[in-house]
């Protein structure tokens, strides 16, 4: 389209081409949007609205095994990321790298570095949104009396 604008004079054909180009771009955007919304709704409905009582033993076993595979994949990814964090932390404490400001700070004043880390950790934890509380959950939806609290609210580290 840009090449057409440069080479062509402002005529009727160029105007038609621009209108058609806009329509094509709009239609492509609608197709992509519909595809993405369909994908997310399919993912949500397939995992949440499964009626296991209507499944055969084989179908239920297949869903169970697929779920177990997903869990193992996620655990493997989690372990890889934990290994990466360990390597990053090891490099921060490495004394052979004097250009590393974190290592230099820790090696010169370890007590102060520990205090700073604890203070920073506490501020991050206190500013993070708290996870949903199990106290507010109604574990007996059919009963008229509220259920007993299951967990205590989160406490501050400091």
N, C-alpha and C. Protein backbone atom coordinates (compact mmCIF):
# COMPACT_ATOMS: atom_id res chain seq x y z
N UNK A 1 0.83 -1.18 0.00
CA UNK A 1 0.00 0.00 0.00
C UNK A 1 0.87 1.25 0.00
N UNK A 2 1.92 1.27 0.78
CA UNK A 2 2.79 2.44 0.84
C UNK A 2 3.47 2.69 -0.51
N UNK A 3 3.87 1.62 -1.18
CA UNK A 3 4.50 1.77 -2.49
C UNK A 3 3.51 2.33 -3.49
N UNK A 4 2.26 1.95 -3.40
CA UNK A 4 1.23 2.48 -4.29
C UNK A 4 1.06 3.96 -4.09
N UNK A 5 1.11 4.41 -2.85
CA UNK A 5 0.95 5.84 -2.58
C UNK A 5 2.09 6.65 -3.17
N UNK A 6 3.29 6.11 -3.12
CA UNK A 6 4.45 6.84 -3.61
C UNK A 6 4.41 6.95 -5.12
N UNK A 7 4.10 5.86 -5.81
CA UNK A 7 4.17 5.83 -7.27
C UNK A 7 2.93 6.39 -7.96
N UNK A 8 1.78 6.27 -7.34
CA UNK A 8 0.55 6.65 -8.00
C UNK A 8 0.17 8.09 -7.69
N UNK A 9 -0.55 8.66 -8.62
CA UNK A 9 -1.09 9.99 -8.38
C UNK A 9 -2.41 9.83 -7.64
N UNK A 10 -2.88 10.91 -7.03
CA UNK A 10 -4.12 10.88 -6.27
C UNK A 10 -5.28 10.73 -7.24
N UNK A 11 -5.68 9.53 -7.48
CA UNK A 11 -6.76 9.29 -8.41
C UNK A 11 -7.82 8.41 -7.79
N UNK A 12 -8.76 8.05 -8.60
CA UNK A 12 -9.87 7.24 -8.15
C UNK A 12 -9.41 5.84 -7.75
N UNK A 13 -8.48 5.26 -8.49
CA UNK A 13 -7.99 3.91 -8.17
C UNK A 13 -7.27 3.87 -6.84
N UNK A 14 -6.47 4.90 -6.56
CA UNK A 14 -5.75 4.92 -5.28
C UNK A 14 -6.72 5.05 -4.12
N UNK A 15 -7.76 5.85 -4.26
CA UNK A 15 -8.77 5.99 -3.21
C UNK A 15 -9.48 4.67 -2.97
N UNK A 16 -9.84 3.97 -4.03
CA UNK A 16 -10.49 2.66 -3.90
C UNK A 16 -9.56 1.67 -3.21
N UNK A 17 -8.30 1.70 -3.61
CA UNK A 17 -7.31 0.79 -3.02
C UNK A 17 -7.16 1.05 -1.53
N UNK A 18 -7.14 2.33 -1.12
CA UNK A 18 -7.02 2.65 0.30
C UNK A 18 -8.23 2.17 1.08
N UNK A 19 -9.42 2.35 0.54
CA UNK A 19 -10.64 1.91 1.21
C UNK A 19 -10.63 0.39 1.35
N UNK A 20 -10.27 -0.30 0.29
CA UNK A 20 -10.22 -1.77 0.33
C UNK A 20 -9.17 -2.26 1.31
N UNK A 21 -8.03 -1.58 1.36
CA UNK A 21 -6.97 -1.96 2.28
C UNK A 21 -7.44 -1.83 3.73
N UNK A 22 -8.15 -0.75 4.04
CA UNK A 22 -8.67 -0.56 5.39
C UNK A 22 -9.68 -1.64 5.75
N UNK A 23 -10.52 -2.01 4.79
CA UNK A 23 -11.52 -3.04 5.03
C UNK A 23 -10.86 -4.40 5.28
N UNK A 24 -9.81 -4.69 4.52
CA UNK A 24 -9.08 -5.95 4.71
C UNK A 24 -8.43 -5.98 6.08
N UNK A 25 -7.79 -4.89 6.48
CA UNK A 25 -7.15 -4.83 7.80
C UNK A 25 -8.18 -4.98 8.92
N UNK A 26 -9.34 -4.34 8.77
CA UNK A 26 -10.39 -4.44 9.78
C UNK A 26 -10.91 -5.86 9.88
N UNK A 27 -11.15 -6.50 8.73
CA UNK A 27 -11.65 -7.88 8.72
C UNK A 27 -10.62 -8.83 9.33
N UNK A 28 -9.35 -8.63 9.02
CA UNK A 28 -8.29 -9.48 9.59
C UNK A 28 -8.25 -9.32 11.10
N UNK A 29 -8.40 -8.10 11.59
CA UNK A 29 -8.43 -7.87 13.04
C UNK A 29 -9.60 -8.57 13.70
N UNK A 30 -10.76 -8.56 13.03
CA UNK A 30 -11.93 -9.23 13.58
C UNK A 30 -11.73 -10.74 13.63
N UNK A 31 -11.11 -11.28 12.58
CA UNK A 31 -10.84 -12.73 12.55
C UNK A 31 -9.89 -13.12 13.67
N UNK A 32 -8.83 -12.35 13.86
CA UNK A 32 -7.86 -12.64 14.93
C UNK A 32 -8.52 -12.52 16.29
N UNK A 33 -9.34 -11.47 16.49
CA UNK A 33 -10.02 -11.29 17.76
C UNK A 33 -10.98 -12.43 18.05
N UNK A 34 -11.74 -12.85 17.04
CA UNK A 34 -12.67 -13.96 17.24
C UNK A 34 -11.93 -15.25 17.54
N UNK A 35 -10.81 -15.45 16.87
CA UNK A 35 -10.00 -16.65 17.10
C UNK A 35 -9.47 -16.69 18.53
N UNK A 36 -8.95 -15.56 19.00
CA UNK A 36 -8.41 -15.52 20.36
C UNK A 36 -9.50 -15.68 21.41
N UNK A 37 -10.64 -15.04 21.22
CA UNK A 37 -11.71 -15.18 22.21
C UNK A 37 -12.26 -16.60 22.20
N UNK A 38 -12.33 -17.22 21.03
CA UNK A 38 -12.77 -18.61 20.96
C UNK A 38 -11.80 -19.55 21.63
N UNK A 39 -10.53 -19.27 21.47
CA UNK A 39 -9.51 -20.11 22.10
C UNK A 39 -9.60 -20.03 23.62
N UNK A 40 -9.72 -18.81 24.16
CA UNK A 40 -9.79 -18.68 25.62
C UNK A 40 -11.08 -19.26 26.16
N UNK A 41 -12.20 -19.08 25.45
CA UNK A 41 -13.45 -19.65 25.96
C UNK A 41 -13.42 -21.17 25.89
N UNK A 42 -12.76 -21.74 24.88
CA UNK A 42 -12.63 -23.19 24.78
C UNK A 42 -11.76 -23.73 25.90
N UNK A 43 -10.67 -23.04 26.19
CA UNK A 43 -9.79 -23.47 27.28
C UNK A 43 -10.51 -23.41 28.61
N UNK A 44 -11.25 -22.33 28.84
CA UNK A 44 -11.97 -22.19 30.11
C UNK A 44 -13.08 -23.23 30.24
N UNK A 45 -13.84 -23.42 29.18
CA UNK A 45 -14.96 -24.35 29.27
C UNK A 45 -14.50 -25.80 29.35
N UNK A 46 -13.40 -26.12 28.70
CA UNK A 46 -12.95 -27.51 28.72
C UNK A 46 -12.41 -27.91 30.08
N UNK A 47 -11.88 -26.98 30.85
CA UNK A 47 -11.31 -27.34 32.13
C UNK A 47 -12.29 -27.16 33.29
N UNK A 48 -13.31 -26.33 33.13
CA UNK A 48 -14.19 -26.04 34.25
C UNK A 48 -15.51 -26.79 34.19
N UNK A 49 -16.04 -27.03 33.01
CA UNK A 49 -17.39 -27.54 32.90
C UNK A 49 -17.45 -29.00 32.47
N UNK A 50 -16.55 -29.80 32.96
CA UNK A 50 -16.56 -31.22 32.62
C UNK A 50 -17.43 -31.95 33.63
N UNK A 51 -18.44 -32.66 33.13
CA UNK A 51 -19.32 -33.45 33.99
C UNK A 51 -18.76 -34.87 34.01
N UNK A 52 -18.04 -35.20 35.07
CA UNK A 52 -17.34 -36.48 35.13
C UNK A 52 -18.30 -37.65 35.29
N UNK A 53 -19.51 -37.40 35.75
CA UNK A 53 -20.46 -38.49 35.92
C UNK A 53 -20.95 -39.03 34.58
N UNK A 54 -20.85 -38.23 33.53
CA UNK A 54 -21.32 -38.66 32.21
C UNK A 54 -20.21 -39.24 31.34
N UNK A 55 -18.99 -39.27 31.86
CA UNK A 55 -17.86 -39.79 31.10
C UNK A 55 -17.70 -41.28 31.34
N UNK A 56 -17.20 -41.95 30.32
CA UNK A 56 -16.86 -43.36 30.51
C UNK A 56 -15.55 -43.44 31.30
N UNK A 57 -15.23 -44.62 31.76
CA UNK A 57 -13.99 -44.82 32.52
C UNK A 57 -12.78 -44.41 31.68
N UNK A 58 -12.80 -44.79 30.41
CA UNK A 58 -11.68 -44.49 29.51
C UNK A 58 -11.54 -42.99 29.30
N UNK A 59 -12.65 -42.29 29.10
CA UNK A 59 -12.60 -40.85 28.90
C UNK A 59 -12.09 -40.14 30.16
N UNK A 60 -12.57 -40.56 31.31
CA UNK A 60 -12.12 -39.96 32.56
C UNK A 60 -10.64 -40.22 32.78
N UNK A 61 -10.19 -41.42 32.47
CA UNK A 61 -8.77 -41.76 32.62
C UNK A 61 -7.91 -40.93 31.68
N UNK A 62 -8.40 -40.70 30.46
CA UNK A 62 -7.65 -39.89 29.50
C UNK A 62 -7.51 -38.45 30.01
N UNK A 63 -8.60 -37.88 30.53
CA UNK A 63 -8.54 -36.52 31.09
C UNK A 63 -7.59 -36.48 32.28
N UNK A 64 -7.64 -37.51 33.11
CA UNK A 64 -6.74 -37.58 34.27
C UNK A 64 -5.28 -37.61 33.82
N UNK A 65 -4.99 -38.43 32.83
CA UNK A 65 -3.60 -38.55 32.36
C UNK A 65 -3.14 -37.26 31.68
N UNK A 66 -4.00 -36.61 30.91
CA UNK A 66 -3.65 -35.34 30.28
C UNK A 66 -3.34 -34.29 31.34
N UNK A 67 -4.16 -34.27 32.38
CA UNK A 67 -3.93 -33.32 33.46
C UNK A 67 -2.63 -33.63 34.19
N UNK A 68 -2.33 -34.89 34.39
CA UNK A 68 -1.08 -35.28 35.05
C UNK A 68 0.13 -34.86 34.21
N UNK A 69 0.02 -35.01 32.89
CA UNK A 69 1.11 -34.59 32.00
C UNK A 69 1.33 -33.09 32.10
N UNK A 70 0.23 -32.31 32.12
CA UNK A 70 0.36 -30.86 32.27
C UNK A 70 1.03 -30.50 33.59
N UNK A 71 0.65 -31.20 34.65
CA UNK A 71 1.24 -30.95 35.96
C UNK A 71 2.74 -31.23 35.93
N UNK A 72 3.13 -32.35 35.33
CA UNK A 72 4.55 -32.70 35.26
C UNK A 72 5.32 -31.68 34.43
N UNK A 73 4.73 -31.21 33.32
CA UNK A 73 5.39 -30.18 32.51
C UNK A 73 5.60 -28.90 33.32
N UNK A 74 4.57 -28.49 34.05
CA UNK A 74 4.69 -27.28 34.85
C UNK A 74 5.72 -27.44 35.97
N UNK A 75 5.75 -28.63 36.59
CA UNK A 75 6.75 -28.88 37.63
C UNK A 75 8.16 -28.84 37.05
N UNK A 76 8.33 -29.38 35.84
CA UNK A 76 9.64 -29.35 35.19
C UNK A 76 10.05 -27.90 34.90
N UNK A 77 9.12 -27.10 34.38
CA UNK A 77 9.42 -25.69 34.12
C UNK A 77 9.76 -24.96 35.41
N UNK A 78 9.02 -25.26 36.47
CA UNK A 78 9.28 -24.64 37.76
C UNK A 78 10.67 -24.99 38.27
N UNK A 79 11.06 -26.24 38.14
CA UNK A 79 12.38 -26.67 38.59
C UNK A 79 13.49 -25.99 37.78
N UNK A 80 13.28 -25.85 36.47
CA UNK A 80 14.27 -25.15 35.64
C UNK A 80 14.42 -23.70 36.08
N UNK A 81 13.31 -23.04 36.37
CA UNK A 81 13.37 -21.65 36.81
C UNK A 81 14.03 -21.54 38.18
N UNK A 82 13.78 -22.50 39.06
CA UNK A 82 14.44 -22.49 40.37
C UNK A 82 15.94 -22.67 40.22
N UNK A 83 16.36 -23.53 39.30
CA UNK A 83 17.79 -23.72 39.05
C UNK A 83 18.40 -22.43 38.52
N UNK A 84 17.67 -21.73 37.68
CA UNK A 84 18.16 -20.46 37.14
C UNK A 84 18.34 -19.44 38.27
N UNK A 85 17.38 -19.40 39.19
CA UNK A 85 17.49 -18.48 40.33
C UNK A 85 18.68 -18.84 41.20
N UNK A 86 18.91 -20.14 41.40
CA UNK A 86 20.07 -20.56 42.20
C UNK A 86 21.37 -20.09 41.55
N UNK A 87 21.46 -20.21 40.24
CA UNK A 87 22.67 -19.77 39.54
C UNK A 87 22.85 -18.26 39.64
N UNK A 88 21.76 -17.51 39.55
CA UNK A 88 21.84 -16.06 39.68
C UNK A 88 22.32 -15.68 41.07
N UNK A 89 21.78 -16.35 42.07
CA UNK A 89 22.18 -16.05 43.45
C UNK A 89 23.62 -16.45 43.71
N UNK A 90 24.06 -17.57 43.13
CA UNK A 90 25.46 -17.98 43.28
C UNK A 90 26.38 -16.92 42.70
N UNK A 91 26.01 -16.39 41.53
CA UNK A 91 26.88 -15.39 40.90
C UNK A 91 26.90 -14.10 41.71
N UNK A 92 25.83 -13.80 42.43
CA UNK A 92 25.81 -12.60 43.26
C UNK A 92 26.77 -12.71 44.43
N UNK A 93 27.00 -13.91 44.90
CA UNK A 93 27.89 -14.11 46.05
C UNK A 93 29.32 -14.46 45.64
N UNK A 94 29.57 -14.55 44.37
CA UNK A 94 30.88 -14.95 43.89
C UNK A 94 31.90 -13.84 44.16
N UNK A 95 32.92 -14.16 44.93
CA UNK A 95 33.94 -13.16 45.27
C UNK A 95 34.91 -12.90 44.13
N UNK A 96 34.95 -13.78 43.14
CA UNK A 96 35.90 -13.62 42.05
C UNK A 96 35.48 -12.53 41.08
N UNK A 97 34.32 -11.96 41.24
CA UNK A 97 33.84 -10.92 40.35
C UNK A 97 33.75 -9.60 41.12
N UNK A 98 34.83 -8.83 41.16
CA UNK A 98 34.82 -7.58 41.92
C UNK A 98 33.94 -6.50 41.29
N UNK A 99 33.56 -6.67 40.03
CA UNK A 99 32.71 -5.67 39.37
C UNK A 99 31.24 -5.85 39.74
N UNK A 100 30.93 -6.94 40.44
CA UNK A 100 29.55 -7.19 40.83
C UNK A 100 29.24 -6.38 42.08
N UNK A 101 28.41 -5.33 41.98
CA UNK A 101 28.16 -4.46 43.15
C UNK A 101 27.40 -5.18 44.26
N UNK A 102 26.56 -6.12 43.92
CA UNK A 102 25.81 -6.85 44.95
C UNK A 102 26.77 -7.69 45.78
N UNK A 103 27.66 -8.41 45.11
CA UNK A 103 28.62 -9.25 45.83
C UNK A 103 29.54 -8.40 46.68
N UNK A 104 29.99 -7.27 46.16
CA UNK A 104 30.88 -6.39 46.92
C UNK A 104 30.18 -5.88 48.17
N UNK A 105 28.92 -5.48 48.03
CA UNK A 105 28.16 -4.98 49.17
C UNK A 105 27.97 -6.07 50.23
N UNK A 106 27.67 -7.27 49.79
CA UNK A 106 27.44 -8.37 50.73
C UNK A 106 28.73 -8.76 51.43
N UNK A 107 29.83 -8.81 50.68
CA UNK A 107 31.10 -9.23 51.26
C UNK A 107 31.69 -8.19 52.20
N UNK A 108 31.43 -6.91 51.98
CA UNK A 108 32.00 -5.88 52.85
C UNK A 108 31.20 -5.71 54.14
N UNK A 109 29.86 -5.82 54.06
CA UNK A 109 29.02 -5.65 55.25
C UNK A 109 27.86 -6.64 55.21
N UNK A 110 28.14 -7.91 55.58
CA UNK A 110 27.09 -8.93 55.45
C UNK A 110 25.87 -8.68 56.36
N UNK A 111 26.10 -8.14 57.56
CA UNK A 111 24.97 -7.90 58.47
C UNK A 111 24.04 -6.83 57.91
N UNK A 112 24.63 -5.76 57.40
CA UNK A 112 23.83 -4.67 56.83
C UNK A 112 23.10 -5.16 55.58
N UNK A 113 23.75 -5.97 54.78
CA UNK A 113 23.11 -6.50 53.58
C UNK A 113 21.92 -7.39 53.95
N UNK A 114 22.09 -8.18 55.00
CA UNK A 114 20.99 -9.05 55.45
C UNK A 114 19.81 -8.21 55.95
N UNK A 115 20.11 -7.16 56.72
CA UNK A 115 19.04 -6.29 57.20
C UNK A 115 18.30 -5.62 56.04
N UNK A 116 19.07 -5.14 55.06
CA UNK A 116 18.46 -4.51 53.89
C UNK A 116 17.58 -5.50 53.13
N UNK A 117 18.06 -6.73 52.98
CA UNK A 117 17.28 -7.74 52.28
C UNK A 117 15.99 -8.05 53.02
N UNK A 118 16.04 -8.18 54.34
CA UNK A 118 14.85 -8.46 55.12
C UNK A 118 13.85 -7.31 55.05
N UNK A 119 14.36 -6.09 55.10
CA UNK A 119 13.50 -4.92 55.01
C UNK A 119 12.81 -4.86 53.63
N UNK A 120 13.59 -5.10 52.60
CA UNK A 120 13.03 -5.10 51.24
C UNK A 120 12.01 -6.22 51.05
N UNK A 121 12.33 -7.39 51.56
CA UNK A 121 11.41 -8.53 51.46
C UNK A 121 10.10 -8.24 52.18
N UNK A 122 10.20 -7.66 53.37
CA UNK A 122 8.99 -7.34 54.13
C UNK A 122 8.14 -6.31 53.40
N UNK A 123 8.77 -5.31 52.80
CA UNK A 123 7.98 -4.30 52.09
C UNK A 123 7.32 -4.89 50.86
N UNK A 124 7.99 -5.80 50.18
CA UNK A 124 7.39 -6.44 49.01
C UNK A 124 6.22 -7.32 49.43
N UNK A 125 6.40 -8.09 50.49
CA UNK A 125 5.33 -8.97 50.94
C UNK A 125 4.14 -8.18 51.48
N UNK A 126 4.40 -7.08 52.15
CA UNK A 126 3.30 -6.28 52.69
C UNK A 126 2.56 -5.53 51.60
N UNK A 127 3.23 -5.19 50.50
CA UNK A 127 2.56 -4.47 49.42
C UNK A 127 1.88 -5.40 48.44
N UNK A 128 2.20 -6.68 48.47
CA UNK A 128 1.58 -7.64 47.55
C UNK A 128 0.15 -7.90 47.97
N UNK A 129 -0.72 -8.14 46.98
CA UNK A 129 -2.10 -8.47 47.35
C UNK A 129 -2.13 -9.80 48.06
N UNK A 130 -2.96 -9.89 49.08
CA UNK A 130 -3.04 -11.13 49.84
C UNK A 130 -3.85 -12.15 49.05
N UNK A 131 -3.52 -13.42 49.20
CA UNK A 131 -4.25 -14.46 48.48
C UNK A 131 -5.67 -14.56 49.03
N UNK A 132 -6.58 -15.14 48.26
CA UNK A 132 -7.95 -15.27 48.77
C UNK A 132 -7.97 -16.04 50.07
N UNK A 133 -8.72 -15.54 51.01
CA UNK A 133 -8.79 -16.16 52.32
C UNK A 133 -9.79 -17.30 52.31
N UNK A 134 -9.43 -18.38 52.97
CA UNK A 134 -10.34 -19.51 53.07
C UNK A 134 -11.44 -19.26 54.10
N UNK A 135 -11.29 -18.22 54.89
CA UNK A 135 -12.31 -17.89 55.89
C UNK A 135 -13.61 -17.49 55.20
N UNK A 136 -13.50 -16.76 54.10
CA UNK A 136 -14.68 -16.27 53.41
C UNK A 136 -15.36 -17.32 52.54
N UNK A 137 -14.73 -18.45 52.33
CA UNK A 137 -15.31 -19.46 51.47
C UNK A 137 -16.41 -20.20 52.20
N UNK A 138 -17.51 -20.44 51.51
CA UNK A 138 -18.61 -21.23 52.07
C UNK A 138 -18.41 -22.66 51.61
N UNK A 139 -17.88 -23.50 52.50
CA UNK A 139 -17.56 -24.87 52.13
C UNK A 139 -18.78 -25.76 52.13
N UNK A 140 -19.86 -25.33 52.73
CA UNK A 140 -21.11 -26.08 52.76
C UNK A 140 -22.19 -25.23 52.12
N UNK A 141 -22.28 -25.18 50.78
CA UNK A 141 -23.20 -24.26 50.12
C UNK A 141 -24.67 -24.59 50.41
N UNK A 142 -25.01 -25.80 50.77
CA UNK A 142 -26.40 -26.15 51.02
C UNK A 142 -26.85 -25.85 52.43
N UNK A 143 -25.94 -25.63 53.36
CA UNK A 143 -26.33 -25.42 54.75
C UNK A 143 -26.64 -23.96 55.01
N UNK A 144 -27.47 -23.72 56.03
CA UNK A 144 -27.85 -22.35 56.35
C UNK A 144 -26.89 -21.71 57.35
N UNK A 145 -26.07 -22.52 58.03
CA UNK A 145 -25.12 -21.98 59.00
C UNK A 145 -23.78 -21.81 58.33
N UNK A 146 -23.07 -20.74 58.66
CA UNK A 146 -21.75 -20.55 58.05
C UNK A 146 -20.76 -21.60 58.54
N UNK A 147 -19.83 -21.96 57.66
CA UNK A 147 -18.84 -22.97 58.02
C UNK A 147 -17.78 -22.36 58.93
N UNK A 148 -17.04 -23.22 59.61
CA UNK A 148 -15.98 -22.79 60.51
C UNK A 148 -14.80 -22.30 59.69
N UNK A 149 -14.03 -21.33 60.19
CA UNK A 149 -12.84 -20.86 59.48
C UNK A 149 -11.85 -22.01 59.30
N UNK A 150 -11.22 -22.02 58.13
CA UNK A 150 -10.28 -23.08 57.82
C UNK A 150 -8.84 -22.62 58.01
N UNK A 151 -8.56 -21.36 57.67
CA UNK A 151 -7.20 -20.86 57.76
C UNK A 151 -7.20 -19.48 58.38
N UNK A 152 -6.10 -19.14 59.03
CA UNK A 152 -5.96 -17.82 59.64
C UNK A 152 -5.43 -16.85 58.59
N UNK A 153 -5.69 -15.56 58.74
CA UNK A 153 -5.14 -14.59 57.80
C UNK A 153 -3.62 -14.54 57.87
N UNK A 154 -3.02 -14.08 56.78
CA UNK A 154 -1.57 -14.02 56.68
C UNK A 154 -1.01 -12.98 57.64
N UNK A 155 0.12 -13.30 58.29
CA UNK A 155 0.75 -12.40 59.25
C UNK A 155 1.97 -11.75 58.61
N UNK A 156 2.34 -10.61 59.10
CA UNK A 156 3.49 -9.88 58.61
C UNK A 156 4.78 -10.55 59.12
N UNK A 157 5.84 -10.46 58.33
CA UNK A 157 7.12 -11.04 58.74
C UNK A 157 7.82 -10.19 59.79
N UNK A 158 7.57 -8.91 59.79
CA UNK A 158 8.25 -8.02 60.74
C UNK A 158 7.24 -7.41 61.66
